[in-house]
């Protein structure tokens, strides 16, 4: 019984980690403002993010987290990306830039 339970917990943990770094899944919360492929000017104020490089997106998301990046939507975006870890930021950036 212990072996089965441990296997289930490990499997669940691996599934959660894989999902947690799935750029397409993470991007779903961004799509309502930025568009399905990053083609929209979010709230009429942002850059079109699909035209940004992966490194530019990473720099922007990290900058929103630490408050060193952004224009009119800086406060809004800080809240949107606050909980992302480095792996999640990279996954989102890869998804948008592809």
N, C-alpha and C. Protein backbone atom coordinates (compact mmCIF):
# COMPACT_ATOMS: atom_id res chain seq x y z
N UNK A 1 0.82 -1.21 0.00
CA UNK A 1 0.00 0.00 0.00
C UNK A 1 0.86 1.26 0.00
N UNK A 2 1.91 1.28 0.82
CA UNK A 2 2.78 2.46 0.88
C UNK A 2 3.45 2.71 -0.47
N UNK A 3 3.87 1.64 -1.13
CA UNK A 3 4.54 1.78 -2.42
C UNK A 3 3.60 2.38 -3.46
N UNK A 4 2.36 1.95 -3.48
CA UNK A 4 1.37 2.47 -4.42
C UNK A 4 1.11 3.95 -4.15
N UNK A 5 0.94 4.30 -2.90
CA UNK A 5 0.69 5.70 -2.52
C UNK A 5 1.88 6.58 -2.89
N UNK A 6 3.09 6.12 -2.61
CA UNK A 6 4.28 6.88 -2.94
C UNK A 6 4.40 7.07 -4.44
N UNK A 7 4.12 6.04 -5.21
CA UNK A 7 4.17 6.13 -6.66
C UNK A 7 3.16 7.15 -7.16
N UNK A 8 1.97 7.15 -6.59
CA UNK A 8 0.94 8.10 -7.00
C UNK A 8 1.37 9.53 -6.69
N UNK A 9 1.97 9.75 -5.53
CA UNK A 9 2.41 11.10 -5.15
C UNK A 9 3.54 11.56 -6.07
N UNK A 10 4.50 10.69 -6.34
CA UNK A 10 5.61 11.06 -7.23
C UNK A 10 5.08 11.34 -8.63
N UNK A 11 4.20 10.49 -9.13
CA UNK A 11 3.63 10.68 -10.46
C UNK A 11 2.86 12.00 -10.52
N UNK A 12 2.06 12.29 -9.52
CA UNK A 12 1.32 13.54 -9.47
C UNK A 12 2.29 14.72 -9.46
N UNK A 13 3.35 14.62 -8.68
CA UNK A 13 4.34 15.69 -8.63
C UNK A 13 5.00 15.93 -9.97
N UNK A 14 5.34 14.87 -10.68
CA UNK A 14 5.94 15.00 -12.00
C UNK A 14 4.96 15.61 -12.98
N UNK A 15 3.70 15.18 -12.92
CA UNK A 15 2.67 15.74 -13.79
C UNK A 15 2.50 17.23 -13.52
N UNK A 16 2.47 17.60 -12.26
CA UNK A 16 2.30 19.00 -11.90
C UNK A 16 3.48 19.82 -12.40
N UNK A 17 4.70 19.32 -12.25
CA UNK A 17 5.87 20.05 -12.71
C UNK A 17 5.89 20.20 -14.22
N UNK A 18 5.51 19.15 -14.94
CA UNK A 18 5.47 19.23 -16.40
C UNK A 18 4.43 20.25 -16.82
N UNK A 19 3.25 20.19 -16.24
CA UNK A 19 2.18 21.13 -16.57
C UNK A 19 2.59 22.55 -16.18
N UNK A 20 3.26 22.70 -15.05
CA UNK A 20 3.63 24.02 -14.55
C UNK A 20 4.58 24.74 -15.50
N UNK A 21 5.31 24.00 -16.32
CA UNK A 21 6.23 24.62 -17.27
C UNK A 21 5.76 24.46 -18.71
N UNK A 22 4.47 24.22 -18.90
CA UNK A 22 3.89 24.12 -20.23
C UNK A 22 3.51 25.53 -20.69
N UNK A 23 4.32 26.08 -21.60
CA UNK A 23 4.11 27.45 -22.03
C UNK A 23 2.73 27.73 -22.60
N UNK A 24 2.20 26.78 -23.38
CA UNK A 24 0.87 26.96 -23.97
C UNK A 24 -0.20 27.03 -22.89
N UNK A 25 -0.10 26.17 -21.89
CA UNK A 25 -1.08 26.18 -20.80
C UNK A 25 -0.96 27.46 -19.98
N UNK A 26 0.26 27.87 -19.69
CA UNK A 26 0.47 29.09 -18.92
C UNK A 26 0.01 30.34 -19.67
N UNK A 27 0.17 30.33 -20.99
CA UNK A 27 -0.18 31.49 -21.81
C UNK A 27 -1.70 31.73 -21.86
N UNK A 28 -2.49 30.73 -21.57
CA UNK A 28 -3.96 30.88 -21.67
C UNK A 28 -4.46 32.08 -20.89
N UNK A 29 -3.86 32.37 -19.74
CA UNK A 29 -4.34 33.52 -18.96
C UNK A 29 -3.92 34.84 -19.61
N UNK A 30 -2.93 34.81 -20.48
CA UNK A 30 -2.46 36.01 -21.18
C UNK A 30 -3.29 36.32 -22.42
N UNK A 31 -3.85 35.28 -23.00
CA UNK A 31 -4.52 35.38 -24.31
C UNK A 31 -5.71 36.32 -24.32
N UNK A 32 -6.39 36.47 -23.20
CA UNK A 32 -7.57 37.33 -23.21
C UNK A 32 -7.21 38.79 -23.53
N UNK A 33 -6.03 39.22 -23.15
CA UNK A 33 -5.59 40.59 -23.47
C UNK A 33 -4.67 40.63 -24.69
N UNK A 34 -3.74 39.67 -24.78
CA UNK A 34 -2.72 39.70 -25.82
C UNK A 34 -3.11 38.95 -27.09
N UNK A 35 -4.22 38.21 -27.08
CA UNK A 35 -4.65 37.44 -28.24
C UNK A 35 -4.09 36.03 -28.21
N UNK A 36 -4.69 35.16 -29.00
CA UNK A 36 -4.31 33.75 -29.00
C UNK A 36 -2.85 33.53 -29.41
N UNK A 37 -2.32 34.40 -30.25
CA UNK A 37 -0.93 34.25 -30.69
C UNK A 37 -0.07 35.46 -30.32
N UNK A 38 -0.56 36.30 -29.42
CA UNK A 38 0.20 37.49 -29.04
C UNK A 38 0.11 38.61 -30.05
N UNK A 39 -0.96 38.57 -30.85
CA UNK A 39 -1.11 39.52 -31.97
C UNK A 39 -1.79 40.83 -31.60
N UNK A 40 -2.33 40.95 -30.40
CA UNK A 40 -3.09 42.14 -30.02
C UNK A 40 -2.24 43.14 -29.22
N UNK A 41 -2.62 44.40 -29.36
CA UNK A 41 -2.11 45.44 -28.48
C UNK A 41 -2.99 45.38 -27.23
N UNK A 42 -2.47 44.78 -26.18
CA UNK A 42 -3.28 44.52 -24.98
C UNK A 42 -3.80 45.83 -24.38
N UNK A 43 -5.11 45.87 -24.19
CA UNK A 43 -5.79 47.02 -23.61
C UNK A 43 -5.44 48.33 -24.33
N UNK A 44 -5.05 48.20 -25.59
CA UNK A 44 -4.72 49.37 -26.40
C UNK A 44 -3.41 50.05 -26.01
N UNK A 45 -2.56 49.37 -25.20
CA UNK A 45 -1.37 50.04 -24.68
C UNK A 45 -0.07 49.26 -24.79
N UNK A 46 -0.12 47.97 -25.03
CA UNK A 46 1.11 47.17 -25.00
C UNK A 46 1.76 47.04 -26.37
N UNK A 47 2.96 46.47 -26.37
CA UNK A 47 3.59 46.05 -27.61
C UNK A 47 2.86 44.82 -28.12
N UNK A 48 3.02 44.52 -29.38
CA UNK A 48 2.52 43.25 -29.91
C UNK A 48 3.59 42.22 -29.57
N UNK A 49 3.30 41.35 -28.63
CA UNK A 49 4.33 40.48 -28.06
C UNK A 49 4.80 39.38 -29.00
N UNK A 50 4.02 39.04 -30.00
CA UNK A 50 4.45 37.98 -30.94
C UNK A 50 5.64 38.44 -31.77
N UNK A 51 5.87 39.75 -31.83
CA UNK A 51 7.00 40.30 -32.57
C UNK A 51 8.27 40.40 -31.73
N UNK A 52 8.18 40.06 -30.45
CA UNK A 52 9.34 40.13 -29.56
C UNK A 52 10.11 38.82 -29.61
N UNK A 53 11.41 38.88 -29.37
CA UNK A 53 12.23 37.67 -29.30
C UNK A 53 12.00 36.99 -27.95
N UNK A 54 12.41 35.75 -27.88
CA UNK A 54 12.30 35.01 -26.62
C UNK A 54 13.03 35.75 -25.50
N UNK A 55 14.22 36.25 -25.78
CA UNK A 55 14.99 36.96 -24.75
C UNK A 55 14.32 38.27 -24.34
N UNK A 56 13.71 38.96 -25.29
CA UNK A 56 13.00 40.20 -24.95
C UNK A 56 11.80 39.90 -24.06
N UNK A 57 11.11 38.82 -24.33
CA UNK A 57 9.95 38.45 -23.51
C UNK A 57 10.39 38.08 -22.10
N UNK A 58 11.47 37.29 -22.01
CA UNK A 58 11.99 36.92 -20.69
C UNK A 58 12.39 38.17 -19.91
N UNK A 59 13.10 39.07 -20.55
CA UNK A 59 13.52 40.31 -19.88
C UNK A 59 12.31 41.14 -19.43
N UNK A 60 11.30 41.21 -20.27
CA UNK A 60 10.10 41.98 -19.93
C UNK A 60 9.38 41.35 -18.74
N UNK A 61 9.17 40.03 -18.77
CA UNK A 61 8.45 39.38 -17.69
C UNK A 61 9.20 39.48 -16.37
N UNK A 62 10.52 39.29 -16.41
CA UNK A 62 11.32 39.44 -15.18
C UNK A 62 11.31 40.89 -14.72
N UNK A 63 11.33 41.83 -15.67
CA UNK A 63 11.27 43.24 -15.33
C UNK A 63 9.94 43.63 -14.70
N UNK A 64 8.86 43.05 -15.20
CA UNK A 64 7.56 43.29 -14.55
C UNK A 64 7.58 42.76 -13.13
N UNK A 65 8.19 41.60 -12.92
CA UNK A 65 8.25 41.03 -11.57
C UNK A 65 8.99 41.93 -10.60
N UNK A 66 10.13 42.48 -11.03
CA UNK A 66 10.93 43.27 -10.10
C UNK A 66 10.65 44.78 -10.20
N UNK A 67 9.73 45.16 -11.08
CA UNK A 67 9.33 46.56 -11.18
C UNK A 67 10.22 47.42 -12.05
N UNK A 68 11.18 46.81 -12.76
CA UNK A 68 12.12 47.59 -13.57
C UNK A 68 11.70 47.75 -15.03
N UNK A 69 10.53 47.24 -15.39
CA UNK A 69 10.10 47.27 -16.79
C UNK A 69 8.63 47.64 -16.85
N UNK A 70 8.25 48.33 -17.92
CA UNK A 70 6.83 48.54 -18.18
C UNK A 70 6.44 49.99 -18.30
N UNK A 71 5.33 50.14 -18.97
CA UNK A 71 4.75 51.46 -19.18
C UNK A 71 3.44 51.57 -18.42
N UNK A 72 2.39 51.97 -19.11
CA UNK A 72 1.10 52.21 -18.45
C UNK A 72 0.50 50.99 -17.73
N UNK A 73 0.83 49.80 -18.17
CA UNK A 73 0.25 48.59 -17.57
C UNK A 73 1.20 47.90 -16.58
N UNK A 74 2.24 48.60 -16.15
CA UNK A 74 3.26 48.04 -15.28
C UNK A 74 2.67 47.41 -14.01
N UNK A 75 1.79 48.10 -13.36
CA UNK A 75 1.18 47.58 -12.13
C UNK A 75 0.32 46.37 -12.38
N UNK A 76 -0.45 46.41 -13.44
CA UNK A 76 -1.31 45.28 -13.80
C UNK A 76 -0.46 44.05 -14.12
N UNK A 77 0.57 44.24 -14.92
CA UNK A 77 1.40 43.12 -15.33
C UNK A 77 2.21 42.54 -14.17
N UNK A 78 2.62 43.37 -13.24
CA UNK A 78 3.37 42.86 -12.08
C UNK A 78 2.53 41.83 -11.35
N UNK A 79 1.26 42.10 -11.19
CA UNK A 79 0.37 41.14 -10.54
C UNK A 79 0.16 39.88 -11.36
N UNK A 80 0.16 40.01 -12.67
CA UNK A 80 -0.06 38.86 -13.54
C UNK A 80 1.11 37.88 -13.53
N UNK A 81 2.33 38.40 -13.38
CA UNK A 81 3.52 37.54 -13.48
C UNK A 81 4.20 37.26 -12.14
N UNK A 82 3.67 37.82 -11.08
CA UNK A 82 4.33 37.72 -9.77
C UNK A 82 4.64 36.28 -9.34
N UNK A 83 3.75 35.36 -9.62
CA UNK A 83 3.91 33.99 -9.14
C UNK A 83 4.72 33.09 -10.08
N UNK A 84 5.09 33.59 -11.25
CA UNK A 84 5.84 32.76 -12.20
C UNK A 84 7.28 32.56 -11.72
N UNK A 85 7.77 31.33 -11.86
CA UNK A 85 9.18 31.07 -11.58
C UNK A 85 9.96 31.19 -12.89
N UNK A 86 11.28 31.06 -12.82
CA UNK A 86 12.13 31.22 -14.00
C UNK A 86 11.77 30.23 -15.11
N UNK A 87 11.49 28.99 -14.74
CA UNK A 87 11.13 27.98 -15.73
C UNK A 87 9.83 28.30 -16.43
N UNK A 88 8.87 28.82 -15.69
CA UNK A 88 7.59 29.19 -16.28
C UNK A 88 7.74 30.39 -17.21
N UNK A 89 8.57 31.35 -16.83
CA UNK A 89 8.82 32.51 -17.68
C UNK A 89 9.46 32.06 -18.99
N UNK A 90 10.44 31.19 -18.91
CA UNK A 90 11.09 30.68 -20.12
C UNK A 90 10.11 29.91 -20.99
N UNK A 91 9.25 29.12 -20.38
CA UNK A 91 8.27 28.33 -21.14
C UNK A 91 7.29 29.25 -21.87
N UNK A 92 6.81 30.28 -21.19
CA UNK A 92 5.90 31.23 -21.83
C UNK A 92 6.60 31.95 -22.98
N UNK A 93 7.82 32.39 -22.74
CA UNK A 93 8.58 33.12 -23.76
C UNK A 93 8.80 32.24 -25.00
N UNK A 94 9.14 30.98 -24.80
CA UNK A 94 9.33 30.07 -25.94
C UNK A 94 8.04 29.90 -26.70
N UNK A 95 6.93 29.76 -25.97
CA UNK A 95 5.62 29.58 -26.60
C UNK A 95 5.26 30.81 -27.45
N UNK A 96 5.44 31.99 -26.91
CA UNK A 96 5.07 33.21 -27.64
C UNK A 96 5.98 33.42 -28.85
N UNK A 97 7.27 33.20 -28.67
CA UNK A 97 8.24 33.50 -29.72
C UNK A 97 8.24 32.48 -30.86
N UNK A 98 7.62 31.33 -30.68
CA UNK A 98 7.67 30.33 -31.76
C UNK A 98 6.73 30.64 -32.90
